C-alpha atoms as a PDB file:
ATOM      1  CA  UNK A   1      60.361  52.065  49.702  1.00  0.00           C
ATOM      2  CA  UNK A   2      62.530  50.517  46.828  1.00  0.00           C
ATOM      3  CA  UNK A   3      66.096  52.150  47.098  1.00  0.00           C
ATOM      4  CA  UNK A   4      69.420  51.450  45.411  1.00  0.00           C
ATOM      5  CA  UNK A   5      72.216  51.514  48.406  1.00  0.00           C
ATOM      6  CA  UNK A   6      75.493  50.970  47.551  1.00  0.00           C
ATOM      7  CA  UNK A   7      74.534  49.356  44.134  1.00  0.00           C
ATOM      8  CA  UNK A   8      71.973  46.856  45.471  1.00  0.00           C
ATOM      9  CA  UNK A   9      68.287  47.239  45.051  1.00  0.00           C
ATOM     10  CA  UNK A  10      66.441  46.912  48.733  1.00  0.00           C
ATOM     11  CA  UNK A  11      62.850  47.579  49.597  1.00  0.00           C
ATOM     12  CA  UNK A  12      62.597  49.049  53.048  1.00  0.00           C
ATOM     13  CA  UNK A  13      59.605  49.703  54.770  1.00  0.00           C
ATOM     14  CA  UNK A  14      58.656  53.058  56.665  1.00  0.00           C
ATOM     15  CA  UNK A  15      61.647  55.208  55.793  1.00  0.00           C
ATOM     16  CA  UNK A  16      61.277  58.876  54.402  1.00  0.00           C
ATOM     17  CA  UNK A  17      64.767  60.691  55.494  1.00  0.00           C
ATOM     18  CA  UNK A  18      68.590  59.590  55.479  1.00  0.00           C
ATOM     19  CA  UNK A  19      68.214  59.654  59.014  1.00  0.00           C
ATOM     20  CA  UNK A  20      65.443  56.858  58.942  1.00  0.00           C
ATOM     21  CA  UNK A  21      67.752  54.337  56.537  1.00  0.00           C
ATOM     22  CA  UNK A  22      70.592  55.235  58.855  1.00  0.00           C
ATOM     23  CA  UNK A  23      68.426  53.985  61.968  1.00  0.00           C
ATOM     24  CA  UNK A  24      66.904  51.024  60.239  1.00  0.00           C
ATOM     25  CA  UNK A  25      70.195  49.773  58.785  1.00  0.00           C
ATOM     26  CA  UNK A  26      71.761  50.462  62.717  1.00  0.00           C
ATOM     27  CA  UNK A  27      74.645  52.589  61.162  1.00  0.00           C
ATOM     28  CA  UNK A  28      75.704  54.917  63.318  1.00  0.00           C
ATOM     29  CA  UNK A  29      76.325  58.544  61.489  1.00  0.00           C
ATOM     30  CA  UNK A  30      79.218  59.640  62.827  1.00  0.00           C
ATOM     31  CA  UNK A  31      81.109  56.985  60.764  1.00  0.00           C
ATOM     32  CA  UNK A  32      79.835  57.134  57.674  1.00  0.00           C
ATOM     33  CA  UNK A  33      79.743  59.294  54.270  1.00  0.00           C
ATOM     34  CA  UNK A  34      76.526  59.506  52.272  1.00  0.00           C
ATOM     35  CA  UNK A  35      75.977  60.237  48.454  1.00  0.00           C
ATOM     36  CA  UNK A  36      72.514  60.748  47.533  1.00  0.00           C
ATOM     37  CA  UNK A  37      71.674  61.010  43.753  1.00  0.00           C
ATOM     38  CA  UNK A  38      75.331  61.257  42.959  1.00  0.00           C
ATOM     39  CA  UNK A  39      75.349  64.436  45.608  1.00  0.00           C
ATOM     40  CA  UNK A  40      77.076  64.200  48.951  1.00  0.00           C
ATOM     41  CA  UNK A  41      75.472  65.091  52.018  1.00  0.00           C
ATOM     42  CA  UNK A  42      76.707  67.232  54.542  1.00  0.00           C
ATOM     43  CA  UNK A  43      76.994  66.182  58.262  1.00  0.00           C
ATOM     44  CA  UNK A  44      75.309  66.193  60.631  1.00  0.00           C
ATOM     45  CA  UNK A  45      72.691  64.593  57.788  1.00  0.00           C
ATOM     46  CA  UNK A  46      69.799  66.549  57.776  1.00  0.00           C
ATOM     47  CA  UNK A  47      66.445  64.995  58.809  1.00  0.00           C
ATOM     48  CA  UNK A  48      65.048  67.324  55.656  1.00  0.00           C
ATOM     49  CA  UNK A  49      66.996  64.770  53.312  1.00  0.00           C
ATOM     50  CA  UNK A  50      63.807  63.298  52.020  1.00  0.00           C
ATOM     51  CA  UNK A  51      63.967  59.695  50.016  1.00  0.00           C
ATOM     52  CA  UNK A  52      61.746  58.884  47.005  1.00  0.00           C
ATOM     53  CA  UNK A  53      61.195  55.695  44.918  1.00  0.00           C
ATOM     54  CA  UNK A  54      64.217  54.257  43.586  1.00  0.00           C
ATOM     55  CA  UNK A  55      66.513  56.993  44.841  1.00  0.00           C
ATOM     56  CA  UNK A  56      70.174  56.183  45.304  1.00  0.00           C
ATOM     57  CA  UNK A  57      72.320  56.055  48.081  1.00  0.00           C
ATOM     58  CA  UNK A  58      76.390  55.405  48.539  1.00  0.00           C
ATOM     59  CA  UNK A  59      77.035  54.706  52.197  1.00  0.00           C
ATOM     60  CA  UNK A  60      80.687  54.719  52.944  1.00  0.00           C
ATOM     61  CA  UNK A  61      81.816  53.190  56.400  1.00  0.00           C
ATOM     62  CA  UNK A  62      84.877  54.406  57.908  1.00  0.00           C
ATOM     63  CA  UNK A  63      86.771  51.489  59.606  1.00  0.00           C
ATOM     64  CA  UNK A  64      89.425  52.225  62.378  1.00  0.00           C
ATOM     65  CA  UNK A  65      92.610  50.399  62.252  1.00  0.00           C
ATOM     66  CA  UNK A  66      94.941  50.383  64.828  1.00  0.00           C
ATOM     67  CA  UNK A  67      99.013  48.737  64.835  1.00  0.00           C
ATOM     68  CA  UNK A  68      99.721  45.223  65.793  1.00  0.00           C
ATOM     69  CA  UNK A  69     103.196  44.345  67.482  1.00  0.00           C
ATOM     70  CA  UNK A  70     104.919  41.242  67.148  1.00  0.00           C
END
């Protein structure tokens, strides 16, 4: 299936849902927010959120930080 992920066109085989795409990309669902065709998806990401050819996904990763001491 052809999808646009974070502005990049990608061809990804055997995906039907948002859960499938996270699994394929090896992304932990607890560390992301996802926009599907200009609408934010609520967590937990429902398995019923299906994908169609040329859908647009924006996947925002949360990165933890820490303090450094010198």
